[in-house]
Amino acid sequence: MNQFTKRNFNSRTMNAAGAMALTVVLLSICGFAQATPSSDEQSLARGAIEDVTPQQKYRTAIREAGGGYKEWLRECDHMPSAERPACRIEAKATYDHDMAQAQLILRGNKRS
């Protein structure tokens, strides 16, 4: 006969579940299970600090170029199918221009 009866198995399962619940509560109270800030919050925090060096300005410029390109492509996807290729070409041209401007920033030249 099996050494675990149905009653023993259920009580052991309940004890394990109770122990895990207690652990979660204790970790929350002690502050060990704190939520991490979202990427949006992290982006806002980074944006609050002014870029000073050319490298910082370059990183910001390429992030903005990439984000703008992705957003533009999403907008192109909602256009009628006949207009999408032209929209994507324009989006890519703008992205390429923004990336070229970012390269100028990195070299120490002003953005134009």
C-alpha atoms as a PDB file:
ATOM      1  CA  MET A   1       0.000   0.000   0.000  1.00  0.00           C
ATOM      2  CA  ASN A   2       1.175   3.543  -0.741  1.00  0.00           C
ATOM      3  CA  GLN A   3       2.750   5.267   2.257  1.00  0.00           C
ATOM      4  CA  PHE A   4       0.974   8.549   1.445  1.00  0.00           C
ATOM      5  CA  THR A   5      -2.682   8.530   2.134  1.00  0.00           C
ATOM      6  CA  LYS A   6      -4.959  11.062   0.540  1.00  0.00           C
ATOM      7  CA  ARG A   7      -5.345  12.858   3.858  1.00  0.00           C
ATOM      8  CA  ASN A   8      -1.585  13.134   4.434  1.00  0.00           C
ATOM      9  CA  PHE A   9      -0.956  14.395   0.925  1.00  0.00           C
ATOM     10  CA  ASN A  10      -3.572  17.127   1.213  1.00  0.00           C
ATOM     11  CA  SER A  11      -2.327  18.333   4.587  1.00  0.00           C
ATOM     12  CA  ARG A  12       1.271  18.440   3.338  1.00  0.00           C
ATOM     13  CA  THR A  13       0.218  20.380   0.260  1.00  0.00           C
ATOM     14  CA  MET A  14      -1.699  22.849   2.402  1.00  0.00           C
ATOM     15  CA  ASN A  15       1.265  23.274   4.751  1.00  0.00           C
ATOM     16  CA  ALA A  16       3.607  24.004   1.824  1.00  0.00           C
ATOM     17  CA  ALA A  17       1.165  26.507   0.307  1.00  0.00           C
ATOM     18  CA  GLY A  18       0.750  28.215   3.672  1.00  0.00           C
ATOM     19  CA  ALA A  19       4.505  28.437   4.152  1.00  0.00           C
ATOM     20  CA  MET A  20       4.959  29.997   0.714  1.00  0.00           C
ATOM     21  CA  ALA A  21       2.200  32.537   1.389  1.00  0.00           C
ATOM     22  CA  LEU A  22       3.768  33.439   4.725  1.00  0.00           C
ATOM     23  CA  THR A  23       7.165  33.876   3.049  1.00  0.00           C
ATOM     24  CA  VAL A  24       5.716  36.258   0.459  1.00  0.00           C
ATOM     25  CA  VAL A  25       4.011  38.326   3.156  1.00  0.00           C
ATOM     26  CA  LEU A  26       7.171  38.517   5.267  1.00  0.00           C
ATOM     27  CA  LEU A  27       9.323  39.486   2.280  1.00  0.00           C
ATOM     28  CA  SER A  28       6.859  42.221   1.375  1.00  0.00           C
ATOM     29  CA  ILE A  29       6.854  43.578   4.916  1.00  0.00           C
ATOM     30  CA  CYS A  30      10.645  43.532   5.094  1.00  0.00           C
ATOM     31  CA  GLY A  31      10.952  45.339   1.778  1.00  0.00           C
ATOM     32  CA  PHE A  32      12.756  42.573  -0.099  1.00  0.00           C
ATOM     33  CA  ALA A  33      10.020  42.131  -2.699  1.00  0.00           C
ATOM     34  CA  GLN A  34       9.814  45.692  -3.923  1.00  0.00           C
ATOM     35  CA  ALA A  35       8.629  46.332  -7.454  1.00  0.00           C
ATOM     36  CA  THR A  36      11.223  47.599  -9.891  1.00  0.00           C
ATOM     37  CA  PRO A  37      10.525  50.872 -11.677  1.00  0.00           C
ATOM     38  CA  SER A  38       9.052  50.532 -15.148  1.00  0.00           C
ATOM     39  CA  SER A  39      11.093  51.374 -18.212  1.00  0.00           C
ATOM     40  CA  ASP A  40       8.881  54.448 -18.745  1.00  0.00           C
ATOM     41  CA  GLU A  41       9.779  55.716 -15.283  1.00  0.00           C
ATOM     42  CA  GLN A  42      13.439  55.008 -15.936  1.00  0.00           C
ATOM     43  CA  SER A  43      13.268  56.913 -19.241  1.00  0.00           C
ATOM     44  CA  LEU A  44      11.666  59.885 -17.520  1.00  0.00           C
ATOM     45  CA  ALA A  45      14.350  59.841 -14.848  1.00  0.00           C
ATOM     46  CA  ARG A  46      17.083  59.786 -17.509  1.00  0.00           C
ATOM     47  CA  GLY A  47      15.364  62.611 -19.365  1.00  0.00           C
ATOM     48  CA  ALA A  48      15.436  64.781 -16.261  1.00  0.00           C
ATOM     49  CA  ILE A  49      19.243  64.828 -16.402  1.00  0.00           C
ATOM     50  CA  GLU A  50      20.675  67.130 -19.045  1.00  0.00           C
ATOM     51  CA  ASP A  51      23.059  65.660 -21.604  1.00  0.00           C
ATOM     52  CA  VAL A  52      26.456  67.322 -21.295  1.00  0.00           C
ATOM     53  CA  THR A  53      29.013  65.286 -23.222  1.00  0.00           C
ATOM     54  CA  PRO A  54      28.871  64.563 -26.951  1.00  0.00           C
ATOM     55  CA  GLN A  55      28.503  60.848 -26.143  1.00  0.00           C
ATOM     56  CA  GLN A  56      25.429  61.494 -23.998  1.00  0.00           C
ATOM     57  CA  LYS A  57      23.903  63.720 -26.667  1.00  0.00           C
ATOM     58  CA  TYR A  58      24.683  61.094 -29.312  1.00  0.00           C
ATOM     59  CA  ARG A  59      23.006  58.296 -27.305  1.00  0.00           C
ATOM     60  CA  THR A  60      19.926  60.444 -26.786  1.00  0.00           C
ATOM     61  CA  ALA A  61      19.806  61.365 -30.471  1.00  0.00           C
ATOM     62  CA  ILE A  62      20.008  57.760 -31.663  1.00  0.00           C
ATOM     63  CA  ARG A  63      17.356  56.686 -29.131  1.00  0.00           C
ATOM     64  CA  GLU A  64      15.069  59.420 -30.393  1.00  0.00           C
ATOM     65  CA  ALA A  65      15.788  58.539 -34.029  1.00  0.00           C
ATOM     66  CA  GLY A  66      15.046  54.861 -33.456  1.00  0.00           C
ATOM     67  CA  GLY A  67      11.909  55.575 -31.445  1.00  0.00           C
ATOM     68  CA  GLY A  68      10.644  58.025 -34.027  1.00  0.00           C
ATOM     69  CA  TYR A  69      11.299  55.541 -36.814  1.00  0.00           C
ATOM     70  CA  LYS A  70       9.389  52.781 -35.027  1.00  0.00           C
ATOM     71  CA  GLU A  71       6.473  55.110 -34.366  1.00  0.00           C
ATOM     72  CA  TRP A  72       6.397  56.289 -37.966  1.00  0.00           C
ATOM     73  CA  LEU A  73       6.381  52.676 -39.218  1.00  0.00           C
ATOM     74  CA  ARG A  74       3.417  51.937 -36.938  1.00  0.00           C
ATOM     75  CA  GLU A  75       1.588  54.874 -38.474  1.00  0.00           C
ATOM     76  CA  CYS A  76       2.455  53.604 -41.963  1.00  0.00           C
ATOM     77  CA  ASP A  77       0.891  50.244 -41.095  1.00  0.00           C
ATOM     78  CA  HIS A  78      -2.468  51.958 -40.545  1.00  0.00           C
ATOM     79  CA  MET A  79      -2.438  53.652 -43.936  1.00  0.00           C
ATOM     80  CA  PRO A  80      -4.079  52.273 -47.066  1.00  0.00           C
ATOM     81  CA  SER A  81      -1.860  49.648 -48.704  1.00  0.00           C
ATOM     82  CA  ALA A  82      -1.176  51.863 -51.734  1.00  0.00           C
ATOM     83  CA  GLU A  83       0.342  54.583 -49.519  1.00  0.00           C
ATOM     84  CA  ARG A  84       2.466  52.349 -47.264  1.00  0.00           C
ATOM     85  CA  PRO A  85       5.579  52.038 -49.465  1.00  0.00           C
ATOM     86  CA  ALA A  86       5.916  55.824 -49.844  1.00  0.00           C
ATOM     87  CA  CYS A  87       5.340  56.279 -46.106  1.00  0.00           C
ATOM     88  CA  ARG A  88       8.037  53.733 -45.261  1.00  0.00           C
ATOM     89  CA  ILE A  89      10.495  55.348 -47.677  1.00  0.00           C
ATOM     90  CA  GLU A  90       9.881  58.745 -46.093  1.00  0.00           C
ATOM     91  CA  ALA A  91      10.243  57.259 -42.599  1.00  0.00           C
ATOM     92  CA  LYS A  92      13.563  55.635 -43.546  1.00  0.00           C
ATOM     93  CA  ALA A  93      14.857  58.869 -45.102  1.00  0.00           C
ATOM     94  CA  THR A  94      14.005  60.775 -41.918  1.00  0.00           C
ATOM     95  CA  TYR A  95      15.666  58.089 -39.792  1.00  0.00           C
ATOM     96  CA  ASP A  96      18.812  58.201 -41.948  1.00  0.00           C
ATOM     97  CA  HIS A  97      18.913  62.004 -41.663  1.00  0.00           C
ATOM     98  CA  ASP A  98      18.489  61.835 -37.871  1.00  0.00           C
ATOM     99  CA  MET A  99      21.270  59.248 -37.587  1.00  0.00           C
ATOM    100  CA  ALA A 100      23.584  61.413 -39.709  1.00  0.00           C
ATOM    101  CA  GLN A 101      22.850  64.324 -37.384  1.00  0.00           C
ATOM    102  CA  ALA A 102      23.675  62.099 -34.428  1.00  0.00           C
ATOM    103  CA  GLN A 103      27.048  61.299 -36.007  1.00  0.00           C
ATOM    104  CA  LEU A 104      27.715  65.036 -36.305  1.00  0.00           C
ATOM    105  CA  ILE A 105      26.948  65.428 -32.596  1.00  0.00           C
ATOM    106  CA  LEU A 106      29.427  62.696 -31.765  1.00  0.00           C
ATOM    107  CA  ARG A 107      32.099  64.448 -33.816  1.00  0.00           C
ATOM    108  CA  GLY A 108      31.429  67.665 -31.922  1.00  0.00           C
ATOM    109  CA  ASN A 109      29.633  69.530 -34.697  1.00  0.00           C
ATOM    110  CA  LYS A 110      26.346  71.256 -34.108  1.00  0.00           C
ATOM    111  CA  ARG A 111      23.074  69.732 -35.169  1.00  0.00           C
ATOM    112  CA  SER A 112      21.550  71.322 -38.261  1.00  0.00           C
END
